[in-house]
């Protein structure tokens, strides 16, 4: 169970980082 939780947290963290990078890219384009 702990492994599943940690993996889920990593996936959420990566998703947040992707959103931040996407917003940065969009801001740079604008």
Protein backbone atom coordinates (compact mmCIF):
# COMPACT_ATOMS: atom_id res chain seq x y z
CA UNK A 1 0.00 0.00 0.00
CA UNK A 2 2.69 2.55 0.91
CA UNK A 3 4.32 2.03 -2.47
CA UNK A 4 1.06 2.73 -4.28
CA UNK A 5 0.61 5.93 -2.29
CA UNK A 6 4.15 7.11 -3.00
CA UNK A 7 3.77 6.31 -6.71
CA UNK A 8 0.49 8.22 -6.80
CA UNK A 9 2.15 11.21 -5.13
CA UNK A 10 4.95 11.11 -7.70
CA UNK A 11 2.43 11.03 -10.54
CA UNK A 12 0.57 13.99 -9.05
CA UNK A 13 3.85 15.89 -8.55
CA UNK A 14 4.86 15.22 -12.17
CA UNK A 15 1.45 16.37 -13.40
CA UNK A 16 1.80 19.61 -11.43
CA UNK A 17 5.30 20.17 -12.83
CA UNK A 18 3.97 19.62 -16.37
CA UNK A 19 1.20 22.17 -15.77
CA UNK A 20 3.76 24.70 -14.48
CA UNK A 21 6.01 24.08 -17.49
CA UNK A 22 3.03 24.37 -19.84
CA UNK A 23 2.00 27.69 -18.30
CA UNK A 24 5.59 28.96 -18.58
CA UNK A 25 5.72 27.95 -22.25
CA UNK A 26 2.35 29.61 -22.90
CA UNK A 27 3.53 32.76 -21.12
CA UNK A 28 6.73 32.84 -23.16
CA UNK A 29 4.79 32.43 -26.42
CA UNK A 30 2.49 35.31 -25.47
